[in-house]
N, C-alpha and C. Protein backbone atom coordinates (compact mmCIF):
# COMPACT_ATOMS: atom_id res chain seq x y z
N MET A 1 104.79 32.27 54.04
CA MET A 1 104.45 30.81 55.07
C MET A 1 104.06 31.38 55.72
N LEU A 2 103.19 30.77 56.75
CA LEU A 2 102.70 31.29 57.88
C LEU A 2 104.05 30.05 59.48
N ASP A 3 104.15 30.96 59.79
CA ASP A 3 105.17 30.19 60.69
C ASP A 3 104.41 30.19 61.58
N HIS A 4 103.57 31.00 62.40
CA HIS A 4 103.45 30.33 64.00
C HIS A 4 101.26 31.06 64.21
N MET A 5 100.99 30.44 64.54
CA MET A 5 99.41 30.64 64.43
C MET A 5 98.46 30.34 66.23
N VAL A 6 97.77 30.81 66.92
CA VAL A 6 97.81 30.90 68.38
C VAL A 6 96.08 31.56 68.57
N MET A 7 95.38 30.52 68.13
CA MET A 7 94.24 30.97 68.07
C MET A 7 93.62 30.65 69.79
N THR A 8 92.63 31.35 70.75
CA THR A 8 92.03 31.37 72.15
C THR A 8 90.67 31.36 71.94
N ASP A 9 89.62 31.38 72.68
CA ASP A 9 88.29 32.17 71.98
C ASP A 9 88.26 33.21 71.97
N LYS A 10 89.29 33.84 72.59
CA LYS A 10 88.60 35.52 72.63
C LYS A 10 89.88 36.09 71.94
N THR A 11 90.84 35.65 71.61
CA THR A 11 92.61 36.41 70.92
C THR A 11 92.89 35.48 70.14
N LEU A 12 93.35 36.08 69.05
CA LEU A 12 93.60 35.70 67.99
C LEU A 12 94.81 36.56 67.06
N LEU A 13 96.35 35.59 67.16
CA LEU A 13 97.03 36.08 66.77
C LEU A 13 98.29 35.05 65.95
N VAL A 14 98.52 36.35 64.73
CA VAL A 14 99.17 35.17 63.37
C VAL A 14 100.56 36.09 63.11
N VAL A 15 101.58 35.28 62.76
CA VAL A 15 102.46 35.84 62.44
C VAL A 15 103.39 35.08 61.69
N GLU A 16 103.75 36.04 60.22
CA GLU A 16 103.71 35.63 58.65
C GLU A 16 105.02 36.02 58.45
N THR A 17 105.94 35.67 58.73
CA THR A 17 107.47 35.61 57.59
C THR A 17 108.00 35.27 56.49
N GLU A 18 108.54 35.89 55.57
CA GLU A 18 108.78 35.08 54.79
C GLU A 18 110.79 35.48 54.50
N ILE A 19 110.84 34.17 54.50
CA ILE A 19 112.52 33.53 55.14
C ILE A 19 113.30 34.07 53.94
N ALA A 20 113.13 33.94 52.43
CA ALA A 20 113.88 34.99 51.67
C ALA A 20 114.02 36.02 51.37
N GLY A 21 113.04 37.19 51.59
CA GLY A 21 112.67 38.40 51.17
C GLY A 21 112.81 39.20 52.56
N THR A 22 112.14 40.37 53.11
CA THR A 22 111.72 40.93 53.84
C THR A 22 109.82 41.10 54.86
N LEU A 23 109.55 40.11 54.49
CA LEU A 23 108.12 40.67 54.38
C LEU A 23 108.11 40.37 55.99
N ALA A 24 107.60 40.94 56.76
CA ALA A 24 106.85 40.74 57.79
C ALA A 24 105.46 41.43 58.60
N ASP A 25 104.78 40.34 58.98
CA ASP A 25 103.39 40.80 59.23
C ASP A 25 102.59 39.89 60.22
N VAL A 26 102.32 41.31 61.53
CA VAL A 26 101.75 40.59 62.49
C VAL A 26 100.52 41.09 62.23
N VAL A 27 99.48 39.97 62.60
CA VAL A 27 98.24 40.04 62.87
C VAL A 27 97.47 40.29 63.53
N ASP A 28 97.09 40.90 65.08
CA ASP A 28 96.66 41.05 66.14
C ASP A 28 95.20 40.89 66.45
N THR A 29 94.39 39.96 66.30
CA THR A 29 93.30 40.53 66.46
C THR A 29 92.12 39.99 68.19
N VAL A 30 91.90 41.30 69.00
CA VAL A 30 92.04 40.78 69.98
C VAL A 30 90.53 40.90 70.46
N PHE A 31 89.54 40.40 69.69
CA PHE A 31 88.07 40.40 69.96
C PHE A 31 87.98 39.13 68.95
N CYS A 32 88.73 38.12 68.69
CA CYS A 32 88.27 37.18 67.01
C CYS A 32 87.00 37.00 67.39
N SER A 33 86.04 36.93 68.13
CA SER A 33 85.11 35.69 67.84
C SER A 33 84.00 37.65 67.44
N THR A 34 84.35 38.28 67.14
CA THR A 34 83.21 39.43 66.79
C THR A 34 84.12 40.17 65.26
N ASP A 35 85.12 40.31 65.15
CA ASP A 35 86.15 39.78 63.78
C ASP A 35 86.03 39.59 62.74
N VAL A 36 85.85 38.24 63.60
CA VAL A 36 86.09 36.84 62.85
C VAL A 36 84.83 36.82 61.57
N GLY A 37 83.89 37.42 61.63
CA GLY A 37 82.16 38.25 60.78
C GLY A 37 82.49 39.10 59.96
N ARG A 38 83.72 39.39 59.97
CA ARG A 38 84.61 40.35 58.80
C ARG A 38 85.79 40.79 58.45
N SER A 39 86.15 38.91 58.34
CA SER A 39 87.17 38.78 57.73
C SER A 39 87.17 37.79 56.66
N LYS A 40 87.76 37.50 56.12
CA LYS A 40 87.68 36.26 54.58
C LYS A 40 88.48 35.12 54.95
N LYS A 41 89.19 34.25 54.92
CA LYS A 41 89.95 33.37 55.00
C LYS A 41 89.85 32.91 53.58
N VAL A 42 91.57 33.04 53.19
CA VAL A 42 91.71 32.70 52.63
C VAL A 42 93.31 31.43 53.05
N GLY A 43 92.83 30.54 52.14
CA GLY A 43 93.83 29.43 52.56
C GLY A 43 93.37 28.90 54.14
N GLN A 44 94.87 28.35 54.98
CA GLN A 44 94.93 29.00 55.97
C GLN A 44 94.87 29.96 56.72
N LYS A 45 94.64 31.38 56.21
CA LYS A 45 94.72 32.65 57.27
C LYS A 45 93.63 33.69 57.12
N PHE A 46 93.67 34.19 58.02
CA PHE A 46 92.66 35.34 57.94
C PHE A 46 93.48 36.48 57.08
N VAL A 47 91.88 37.65 56.24
CA VAL A 47 92.55 38.66 55.48
C VAL A 47 91.58 39.32 56.13
N HIS A 48 92.18 40.21 56.64
CA HIS A 48 91.40 41.60 57.34
C HIS A 48 90.77 42.62 56.24
N PRO A 49 89.93 43.38 55.63
CA PRO A 49 90.02 44.10 54.69
C PRO A 49 90.71 45.51 55.61
């Protein structure tokens, strides 16, 4: 479940939590413009290798 996603011209912050479980994943990419080329888009999420 994607709870919150904030994207500015240079910053991408994705916070993902699973309410029924214990999964909490925070991905904070400081320079989205350079890092997005190395990311794979899955659905509406970015997965970093």
